[in-house]
Amino acid sequence: MTLPTVHTFYKSNISPELVSWQAKVFETLGIPLKQWLDDSASHHEWLNRIFRDDSLGEQVIVADIDAFPLSRAGFDRFLDMCTQYDVVGLAQVANHKDPSKIYAAPMFLGTTRSHYKAVGSPSMRRTDVGDVAQSLTDETLAAGKSVGLIYPGFCIDPKWPLWDKGVYGIGTFFGDMEFFHLFESRKKASFDLFCAVAEGVVNGRHDFARYLEIMEKVPAPKKKFLGLF
């Protein structure tokens, strides 16, 4: 079976080492990957371009530059879910907008081009009620179609609630050790964690003690004192 290509987007301010580690993971797992460097487009503009480009094939799968499958089995299950649901993705919420609306986020997101067109080819731009690419979930559900979500299993540094389904944060492992997404990739500790987890996939063994140690070295935020002192 010919696997669909996963498309990722990044700008030149992203570390080449991070880009390289993502590529190594996909190569190790035997999954086709196209990394698009584009300093002229925003994230949502790039997503619009990918979803509307028929030359890229019927299946559309996009990912963030700081995300990757943790196993080939996890990716294969994602593809299987794509045959059962109209849209499939890692679960996320826009806590600063509507924290109750869980959606399939573009950190790892799949659908077909025909479904995207059927729901009106919605722009992936951020709106007053949703974050980037949330419109695809919203329009899919409004049309009575199905969305398959892969929820967080655990994370190295919890940061945000996922409504009533759990938490996610820096270094989130989704599903049953199926996908990884970093968040805050420009921070040194987060970057080190990404490289370490990617190395774990490539080497075939995860070192969770190392992952925890990386994040434990992050200095606590300084307390702000009010008053004269």
Protein backbone atom coordinates (compact mmCIF):
# COMPACT_ATOMS: atom_id res chain seq x y z
CA MET A 1 0.00 0.00 0.00
CA THR A 2 1.27 3.44 -0.94
CA LEU A 3 1.14 5.68 2.11
CA PRO A 4 -0.09 9.27 1.83
CA THR A 5 2.44 12.03 2.37
CA VAL A 6 2.31 14.03 5.59
CA HIS A 7 2.86 17.76 5.06
CA THR A 8 4.46 20.04 7.66
CA PHE A 9 5.10 23.78 7.66
CA TYR A 10 7.87 25.82 9.19
CA LYS A 11 9.69 29.12 8.92
CA SER A 12 13.41 29.83 8.91
CA ASN A 13 13.33 30.80 12.59
CA ILE A 14 12.75 27.14 13.49
CA SER A 15 15.89 25.26 14.50
CA PRO A 16 17.32 23.13 11.66
CA GLU A 17 18.01 20.44 14.26
CA LEU A 18 14.33 20.22 15.17
CA VAL A 19 13.40 19.98 11.49
CA SER A 20 16.02 17.28 11.01
CA TRP A 21 14.82 15.21 13.97
CA GLN A 22 11.25 15.25 12.69
CA ALA A 23 12.47 14.02 9.32
CA LYS A 24 14.52 11.26 10.99
CA VAL A 25 11.45 10.00 12.84
CA PHE A 26 9.36 9.79 9.69
CA GLU A 27 12.19 8.11 7.81
CA THR A 28 12.61 5.57 10.62
CA LEU A 29 8.90 4.75 10.54
CA GLY A 30 8.76 4.60 6.74
CA ILE A 31 6.20 7.40 6.43
CA PRO A 32 6.47 9.90 3.54
CA LEU A 33 7.03 13.47 4.73
CA LYS A 34 7.16 16.81 2.93
CA GLN A 35 8.50 19.68 5.02
CA TRP A 36 7.55 23.06 3.57
CA LEU A 37 9.76 26.05 4.39
CA ASP A 38 7.79 29.22 3.73
CA ASP A 39 8.61 32.59 5.28
CA SER A 40 5.98 34.39 3.22
CA ALA A 41 2.85 32.61 4.47
CA SER A 42 1.12 32.37 7.82
CA HIS A 43 0.18 28.96 9.21
CA HIS A 44 -3.45 29.21 8.14
CA GLU A 45 -2.51 30.49 4.67
CA TRP A 46 -0.25 27.49 4.18
CA LEU A 47 -3.00 25.14 5.39
CA ASN A 48 -5.46 26.68 2.93
CA ARG A 49 -2.97 26.14 0.12
CA ILE A 50 -2.35 22.49 1.03
CA PHE A 51 -6.03 21.62 1.43
CA ARG A 52 -6.95 23.30 -1.85
CA ASP A 53 -4.17 21.83 -3.99
CA ASP A 54 -5.71 18.90 -5.86
CA SER A 55 -2.31 17.91 -7.25
CA LEU A 56 -1.29 16.66 -3.79
CA GLY A 57 -3.75 13.76 -3.88
CA GLU A 58 -7.14 12.96 -2.39
CA GLN A 59 -5.93 12.23 1.14
CA VAL A 60 -4.81 15.31 3.07
CA ILE A 61 -2.65 14.91 6.17
CA VAL A 62 -0.89 17.83 7.83
CA ALA A 63 1.19 18.07 10.98
CA ASP A 64 2.98 20.69 13.02
CA ILE A 65 6.76 20.80 12.68
CA ASP A 66 7.03 19.81 16.36
CA ALA A 67 4.84 16.71 16.09
CA PHE A 68 5.34 13.17 14.86
CA PRO A 69 3.98 9.61 15.14
CA LEU A 70 5.58 7.54 17.88
CA SER A 71 5.15 4.29 15.97
CA ARG A 72 4.18 2.98 12.57
CA ALA A 73 1.26 1.19 14.24
CA GLY A 74 0.01 4.52 15.57
CA PHE A 75 0.14 6.08 12.12
CA ASP A 76 -1.56 3.05 10.58
CA ARG A 77 -4.38 3.38 13.12
CA PHE A 78 -4.68 7.04 12.18
CA LEU A 79 -5.11 6.01 8.53
CA ASP A 80 -7.68 3.41 9.55
CA MET A 81 -9.60 6.08 11.46
CA CYS A 82 -9.54 8.20 8.31
CA THR A 83 -11.63 5.49 6.62
CA GLN A 84 -14.16 5.59 9.48
CA TYR A 85 -14.45 9.35 10.07
CA ASP A 86 -14.62 12.35 7.78
CA VAL A 87 -11.99 14.24 9.80
CA VAL A 88 -9.37 12.80 12.17
CA GLY A 89 -6.97 14.64 14.42
CA LEU A 90 -5.29 15.08 17.76
CA ALA A 91 -7.67 16.61 20.29
CA GLN A 92 -7.19 20.18 21.46
CA VAL A 93 -9.23 23.12 22.74
CA ALA A 94 -8.81 26.87 22.40
CA ASN A 95 -8.92 27.60 26.14
CA HIS A 96 -8.76 31.35 25.49
CA LYS A 97 -11.89 31.18 23.31
CA ASP A 98 -14.31 28.33 24.05
CA PRO A 99 -12.70 25.72 26.33
CA SER A 100 -15.62 23.31 25.89
CA LYS A 101 -15.21 22.88 22.12
CA ILE A 102 -12.75 20.07 21.49
CA TYR A 103 -11.57 19.93 17.89
CA ALA A 104 -9.23 18.04 15.58
CA ALA A 105 -6.12 20.22 15.65
CA PRO A 106 -3.61 20.70 12.81
CA MET A 107 -0.76 19.36 14.93
CA PHE A 108 -1.79 16.08 13.22
CA LEU A 109 -4.90 16.31 11.07
CA GLY A 110 -6.34 14.25 8.25
CA THR A 111 -9.30 14.32 5.88
CA THR A 112 -10.06 13.93 2.19
CA ARG A 113 -10.08 16.71 -0.33
CA SER A 114 -13.61 15.76 -1.35
CA HIS A 115 -14.86 16.15 2.22
CA TYR A 116 -13.10 19.49 2.58
CA LYS A 117 -14.85 20.71 -0.56
CA ALA A 118 -18.19 19.25 0.56
CA VAL A 119 -18.20 21.40 3.70
CA GLY A 120 -17.40 24.54 1.74
CA SER A 121 -13.59 24.56 1.73
CA PRO A 122 -13.49 26.56 4.96
CA SER A 123 -10.59 28.89 5.59
CA MET A 124 -8.27 27.62 8.28
CA ARG A 125 -7.76 31.09 9.73
CA ARG A 126 -8.25 31.85 13.40
CA THR A 127 -11.70 33.28 14.20
CA ASP A 128 -13.42 34.95 17.14
CA VAL A 129 -14.69 31.56 18.30
CA GLY A 130 -11.95 29.16 17.24
CA ASP A 131 -8.25 28.66 16.67
CA VAL A 132 -6.37 27.80 13.47
CA ALA A 133 -8.11 24.97 11.53
CA GLN A 134 -10.89 24.65 14.11
CA SER A 135 -13.31 25.67 11.36
CA LEU A 136 -12.86 22.28 9.70
CA THR A 137 -14.21 20.49 12.78
CA ASP A 138 -16.99 23.06 13.20
CA GLU A 139 -18.15 22.84 9.59
CA THR A 140 -17.90 19.05 9.59
CA LEU A 141 -20.10 18.70 12.68
CA ALA A 142 -22.53 21.33 11.38
CA ALA A 143 -22.96 19.21 8.24
CA GLY A 144 -23.77 16.14 10.35
CA LYS A 145 -20.50 14.46 9.46
CA SER A 146 -18.06 12.68 11.77
CA VAL A 147 -14.88 13.75 13.55
CA GLY A 148 -12.52 11.19 15.09
CA LEU A 149 -10.33 12.47 17.90
CA ILE A 150 -7.17 11.03 19.44
CA TYR A 151 -6.92 12.20 23.04
CA PRO A 152 -3.86 12.87 25.19
CA GLY A 153 -2.61 9.93 27.21
CA PHE A 154 -0.15 11.89 29.36
CA CYS A 155 2.34 14.73 29.14
CA ILE A 156 5.72 15.56 30.62
CA ASP A 157 4.73 19.05 31.76
CA PRO A 158 0.94 19.56 32.10
CA LYS A 159 -0.21 23.06 31.19
CA TRP A 160 -3.82 23.20 29.98
CA PRO A 161 -7.17 21.47 30.62
CA LEU A 162 -8.79 19.59 27.76
CA TRP A 163 -12.27 20.43 29.00
CA ASP A 164 -13.55 17.29 30.82
CA LYS A 165 -11.26 14.86 28.99
CA GLY A 166 -7.93 15.43 30.75
CA VAL A 167 -4.93 17.71 30.37
CA TYR A 168 -2.19 18.37 27.86
CA GLY A 169 0.98 20.41 27.85
CA ILE A 170 4.65 20.45 26.95
CA GLY A 171 5.56 17.06 25.56
CA THR A 172 2.13 15.46 25.15
CA PHE A 173 1.84 11.79 24.20
CA PHE A 174 -1.45 11.11 22.42
CA GLY A 175 -3.40 7.88 22.24
CA ASP A 176 -1.71 4.70 23.37
CA MET A 177 1.82 6.04 22.77
CA GLU A 178 0.84 6.83 19.18
CA PHE A 179 1.66 10.51 18.61
CA PHE A 180 3.81 13.19 20.20
CA HIS A 181 3.39 16.95 20.12
CA LEU A 182 5.79 19.33 21.80
CA PHE A 183 4.28 22.84 22.14
CA GLU A 184 6.49 25.90 22.80
CA SER A 185 9.29 24.60 20.59
CA ARG A 186 11.35 27.80 20.78
CA LYS A 187 12.08 27.31 24.49
CA LYS A 188 15.38 25.55 25.21
CA ALA A 189 14.00 22.83 27.50
CA SER A 190 11.10 22.11 25.15
CA PHE A 191 13.48 21.88 22.22
CA ASP A 192 15.73 19.46 24.14
CA LEU A 193 12.69 17.35 25.01
CA PHE A 194 11.63 17.16 21.36
CA CYS A 195 15.08 15.98 20.29
CA ALA A 196 15.18 13.41 23.10
CA VAL A 197 11.77 11.92 22.27
CA ALA A 198 12.59 11.85 18.56
CA GLU A 199 15.83 10.07 19.40
CA GLY A 200 13.80 7.58 21.43
CA VAL A 201 11.68 6.76 18.39
CA VAL A 202 14.70 6.42 16.12
CA ASN A 203 16.55 4.20 18.62
CA GLY A 204 13.48 2.14 19.46
CA ARG A 205 13.52 2.88 23.20
CA HIS A 206 12.11 5.78 25.20
CA ASP A 207 13.94 7.14 28.24
CA PHE A 208 11.23 8.76 30.35
CA ALA A 209 13.63 9.47 33.20
CA ARG A 210 15.60 11.61 30.76
CA TYR A 211 12.47 13.37 29.52
CA LEU A 212 11.44 14.27 33.06
CA GLU A 213 14.95 15.41 33.92
CA ILE A 214 14.99 17.79 30.96
CA MET A 215 11.83 19.54 32.10
CA GLU A 216 12.80 19.49 35.79
CA LYS A 217 15.75 21.72 34.93
CA VAL A 218 13.42 24.52 33.87
CA PRO A 219 13.71 27.32 36.46
CA ALA A 220 10.54 28.19 38.32
CA PRO A 221 8.96 31.49 37.26
CA LYS A 222 9.93 34.40 39.45
CA LYS A 223 7.23 35.53 41.85
CA LYS A 224 5.94 39.03 41.47
CA PHE A 225 5.74 41.02 44.69
CA LEU A 226 3.50 44.00 45.15
CA GLY A 227 4.37 46.88 47.43
CA LEU A 228 7.52 48.79 48.24
CA PHE A 229 10.01 45.92 48.29
